[in-house]
N, C-alpha and C. Protein backbone atom coordinates (compact mmCIF):
# COMPACT_ATOMS: atom_id res chain seq x y z
N THR A 1 85.94 90.08 101.83
CA THR A 1 85.26 91.25 101.32
C THR A 1 85.14 92.30 102.42
N ALA A 2 84.64 93.44 102.03
CA ALA A 2 84.48 94.52 103.00
C ALA A 2 83.43 94.17 104.05
N LEU A 3 82.41 93.39 103.65
CA LEU A 3 81.37 93.01 104.62
C LEU A 3 81.93 92.13 105.72
N ALA A 4 82.90 91.30 105.39
CA ALA A 4 83.47 90.39 106.39
C ALA A 4 84.20 91.15 107.48
N ARG A 5 84.65 92.34 107.18
CA ARG A 5 85.40 93.14 108.17
C ARG A 5 84.49 93.93 109.10
N LEU A 6 83.22 94.03 108.77
CA LEU A 6 82.28 94.80 109.59
C LEU A 6 81.82 93.98 110.78
N ASN A 7 81.39 94.68 111.82
CA ASN A 7 80.79 93.93 112.94
C ASN A 7 79.41 93.46 112.48
N PRO A 8 78.85 92.43 113.12
CA PRO A 8 77.60 91.83 112.63
C PRO A 8 76.44 92.80 112.46
N ASP A 9 76.25 93.72 113.39
CA ASP A 9 75.13 94.65 113.27
C ASP A 9 75.27 95.56 112.06
N ASP A 10 76.49 96.06 111.83
CA ASP A 10 76.70 96.93 110.67
C ASP A 10 76.53 96.17 109.37
N ALA A 11 77.00 94.93 109.34
CA ALA A 11 76.85 94.12 108.12
C ALA A 11 75.38 93.86 107.82
N LEU A 12 74.61 93.53 108.85
CA LEU A 12 73.18 93.29 108.64
C LEU A 12 72.46 94.55 108.17
N SER A 13 72.80 95.69 108.76
CA SER A 13 72.12 96.92 108.35
C SER A 13 72.51 97.31 106.93
N LYS A 14 73.71 96.98 106.51
CA LYS A 14 74.12 97.29 105.14
C LYS A 14 73.42 96.37 104.14
N LEU A 15 73.28 95.09 104.50
CA LEU A 15 72.66 94.14 103.58
C LEU A 15 71.14 94.25 103.55
N ASN A 16 70.53 94.53 104.69
CA ASN A 16 69.07 94.57 104.76
C ASN A 16 68.65 95.71 105.68
N PRO A 17 68.69 96.96 105.19
CA PRO A 17 68.42 98.10 106.07
C PRO A 17 67.00 98.13 106.62
N GLY A 18 66.03 97.53 105.96
CA GLY A 18 64.66 97.56 106.44
C GLY A 18 64.38 96.53 107.51
N GLY A 19 65.19 95.49 107.60
CA GLY A 19 64.98 94.45 108.58
C GLY A 19 63.87 93.48 108.20
N GLN A 20 63.32 93.60 107.00
CA GLN A 20 62.24 92.72 106.54
C GLN A 20 62.81 91.58 105.69
N ALA A 21 61.99 90.57 105.47
CA ALA A 21 62.40 89.45 104.62
C ALA A 21 62.61 89.95 103.19
N LEU A 22 63.50 89.30 102.49
CA LEU A 22 63.79 89.70 101.11
C LEU A 22 62.75 89.12 100.16
N SER A 23 62.46 89.89 99.12
CA SER A 23 61.56 89.39 98.08
C SER A 23 62.35 88.45 97.17
N PRO A 24 61.68 87.61 96.40
CA PRO A 24 62.40 86.72 95.48
C PRO A 24 63.29 87.49 94.50
N GLU A 25 62.85 88.67 94.09
CA GLU A 25 63.67 89.48 93.18
C GLU A 25 64.95 89.94 93.87
N GLN A 26 64.82 90.35 95.13
CA GLN A 26 66.00 90.77 95.89
C GLN A 26 66.96 89.60 96.10
N VAL A 27 66.40 88.42 96.35
CA VAL A 27 67.24 87.23 96.53
C VAL A 27 68.03 86.96 95.26
N ALA A 28 67.35 86.99 94.12
CA ALA A 28 68.03 86.74 92.84
C ALA A 28 69.10 87.80 92.57
N GLU A 29 68.77 89.05 92.87
CA GLU A 29 69.73 90.15 92.66
C GLU A 29 70.97 89.97 93.54
N ARG A 30 70.76 89.62 94.79
CA ARG A 30 71.89 89.45 95.70
C ARG A 30 72.71 88.21 95.37
N PHE A 31 72.02 87.18 94.89
CA PHE A 31 72.75 85.98 94.47
C PHE A 31 73.67 86.33 93.31
N GLU A 32 73.16 87.14 92.39
CA GLU A 32 73.97 87.56 91.25
C GLU A 32 75.13 88.44 91.71
N GLN A 33 74.87 89.32 92.65
CA GLN A 33 75.89 90.26 93.12
C GLN A 33 76.94 89.60 94.00
N TYR A 34 76.51 88.77 94.97
CA TYR A 34 77.43 88.22 95.96
C TYR A 34 77.79 86.75 95.73
N GLY A 35 77.02 86.05 94.92
CA GLY A 35 77.28 84.64 94.69
C GLY A 35 76.61 83.78 95.75
N PRO A 36 76.85 82.46 95.68
CA PRO A 36 76.19 81.55 96.62
C PRO A 36 76.70 81.76 98.04
N ASN A 37 75.88 81.37 98.99
CA ASN A 37 76.20 81.52 100.40
C ASN A 37 76.99 80.30 100.87
N THR A 38 78.27 80.30 100.57
CA THR A 38 79.13 79.18 100.96
C THR A 38 80.34 79.70 101.71
N VAL A 39 80.92 78.84 102.52
CA VAL A 39 82.12 79.19 103.27
C VAL A 39 83.33 78.83 102.42
N ALA A 40 84.27 79.74 102.34
CA ALA A 40 85.49 79.47 101.57
C ALA A 40 86.29 78.38 102.26
N GLN A 41 86.84 77.48 101.45
CA GLN A 41 87.64 76.39 101.99
C GLN A 41 88.94 76.29 101.22
N GLU A 42 89.98 75.89 101.95
CA GLU A 42 91.26 75.67 101.29
C GLU A 42 91.20 74.35 100.53
N LYS A 43 91.90 74.32 99.39
CA LYS A 43 91.99 73.07 98.68
C LYS A 43 92.89 72.13 99.45
N LYS A 44 92.46 70.91 99.57
CA LYS A 44 93.23 69.92 100.31
C LYS A 44 94.37 69.41 99.42
N LYS A 45 95.56 69.31 100.02
CA LYS A 45 96.71 68.82 99.28
C LYS A 45 96.62 67.30 99.14
N PRO A 46 97.16 66.77 98.05
CA PRO A 46 97.22 65.31 97.93
C PRO A 46 98.03 64.71 99.08
N PHE A 47 97.65 63.51 99.48
CA PHE A 47 98.25 62.85 100.64
C PHE A 47 99.77 62.71 100.48
N LEU A 48 100.23 62.23 99.33
CA LEU A 48 101.67 62.02 99.14
C LEU A 48 102.45 63.34 99.18
N LEU A 49 101.87 64.39 98.66
CA LEU A 49 102.53 65.70 98.71
C LEU A 49 102.65 66.18 100.15
N GLU A 50 101.61 65.98 100.94
CA GLU A 50 101.66 66.40 102.35
C GLU A 50 102.71 65.60 103.11
N ILE A 51 102.78 64.30 102.88
CA ILE A 51 103.80 63.46 103.54
C ILE A 51 105.19 63.92 103.11
N GLY A 52 105.36 64.19 101.82
CA GLY A 52 106.66 64.66 101.31
C GLY A 52 107.08 65.97 101.94
N GLU A 53 106.15 66.89 102.07
CA GLU A 53 106.48 68.18 102.70
C GLU A 53 106.87 68.00 104.16
N ARG A 54 106.16 67.15 104.86
CA ARG A 54 106.50 66.91 106.27
C ARG A 54 107.86 66.25 106.39
N PHE A 55 108.17 65.36 105.47
CA PHE A 55 109.46 64.68 105.50
C PHE A 55 110.60 65.68 105.25
N ILE A 56 110.42 66.53 104.25
CA ILE A 56 111.48 67.47 103.87
C ILE A 56 111.68 68.56 104.92
N THR A 57 110.62 69.00 105.56
CA THR A 57 110.75 70.11 106.50
C THR A 57 111.19 69.68 107.89
N ASN A 58 111.31 68.38 108.14
CA ASN A 58 111.75 67.90 109.45
C ASN A 58 113.24 67.59 109.39
N PRO A 59 114.08 68.33 110.11
CA PRO A 59 115.53 68.14 110.03
C PRO A 59 115.99 66.75 110.49
N ILE A 60 115.28 66.15 111.41
CA ILE A 60 115.66 64.80 111.87
C ILE A 60 115.52 63.80 110.72
N ASN A 61 114.45 63.92 109.95
CA ASN A 61 114.26 63.03 108.80
C ASN A 61 115.39 63.19 107.79
N ILE A 62 115.78 64.42 107.54
CA ILE A 62 116.86 64.67 106.58
C ILE A 62 118.16 64.07 107.10
N LEU A 63 118.47 64.29 108.37
CA LEU A 63 119.70 63.76 108.96
C LEU A 63 119.73 62.24 108.89
N LEU A 64 118.65 61.59 109.27
CA LEU A 64 118.60 60.13 109.23
C LEU A 64 118.73 59.59 107.81
N THR A 65 118.12 60.27 106.85
CA THR A 65 118.24 59.84 105.46
C THR A 65 119.67 59.97 104.96
N VAL A 66 120.32 61.08 105.26
CA VAL A 66 121.71 61.28 104.85
C VAL A 66 122.61 60.23 105.49
N LEU A 67 122.42 59.97 106.77
CA LEU A 67 123.24 58.95 107.45
C LEU A 67 123.00 57.56 106.88
N ALA A 68 121.76 57.24 106.55
CA ALA A 68 121.47 55.94 105.94
C ALA A 68 122.12 55.82 104.58
N LEU A 69 122.10 56.88 103.79
CA LEU A 69 122.74 56.84 102.47
C LEU A 69 124.25 56.70 102.59
N VAL A 70 124.87 57.42 103.52
CA VAL A 70 126.32 57.31 103.72
C VAL A 70 126.68 55.89 104.12
N THR A 71 125.92 55.32 105.02
CA THR A 71 126.18 53.95 105.46
C THR A 71 126.02 52.98 104.30
N TRP A 72 125.02 53.17 103.50
CA TRP A 72 124.78 52.27 102.37
C TRP A 72 125.89 52.39 101.32
N PHE A 73 126.32 53.64 101.01
CA PHE A 73 127.37 53.83 100.01
C PHE A 73 128.72 53.33 100.49
N THR A 74 129.01 53.46 101.76
CA THR A 74 130.32 53.01 102.26
C THR A 74 130.33 51.51 102.50
N GLY A 75 129.19 50.89 102.51
CA GLY A 75 129.13 49.45 102.68
C GLY A 75 129.43 49.00 104.09
N GLU A 76 129.36 49.89 105.04
CA GLU A 76 129.65 49.55 106.42
C GLU A 76 128.52 48.71 106.99
N GLU A 77 128.88 47.60 107.61
CA GLU A 77 127.87 46.72 108.20
C GLU A 77 127.93 46.83 109.71
N THR A 78 126.79 46.65 110.33
CA THR A 78 126.77 46.66 111.79
C THR A 78 126.86 45.23 112.29
N SER A 79 127.32 45.08 113.51
CA SER A 79 127.48 43.72 114.04
C SER A 79 126.25 43.25 114.76
């Protein structure tokens, strides 16, 4: 929001210009206007999706998987 971009002193003066405690009516009004006082958080990805993304984005994993598949399809055995 625009308040988040302000420096702390400007934000405080905009929210509470008198510097006094808020009345219960003001609290209710601000709660309605701004919502609850919570910190925004990112949604956590499911564990398997995160592992899958790490596997796919790592070129070494892709190379090793391709080489393992080629070896398996050709039937080549190691000694």
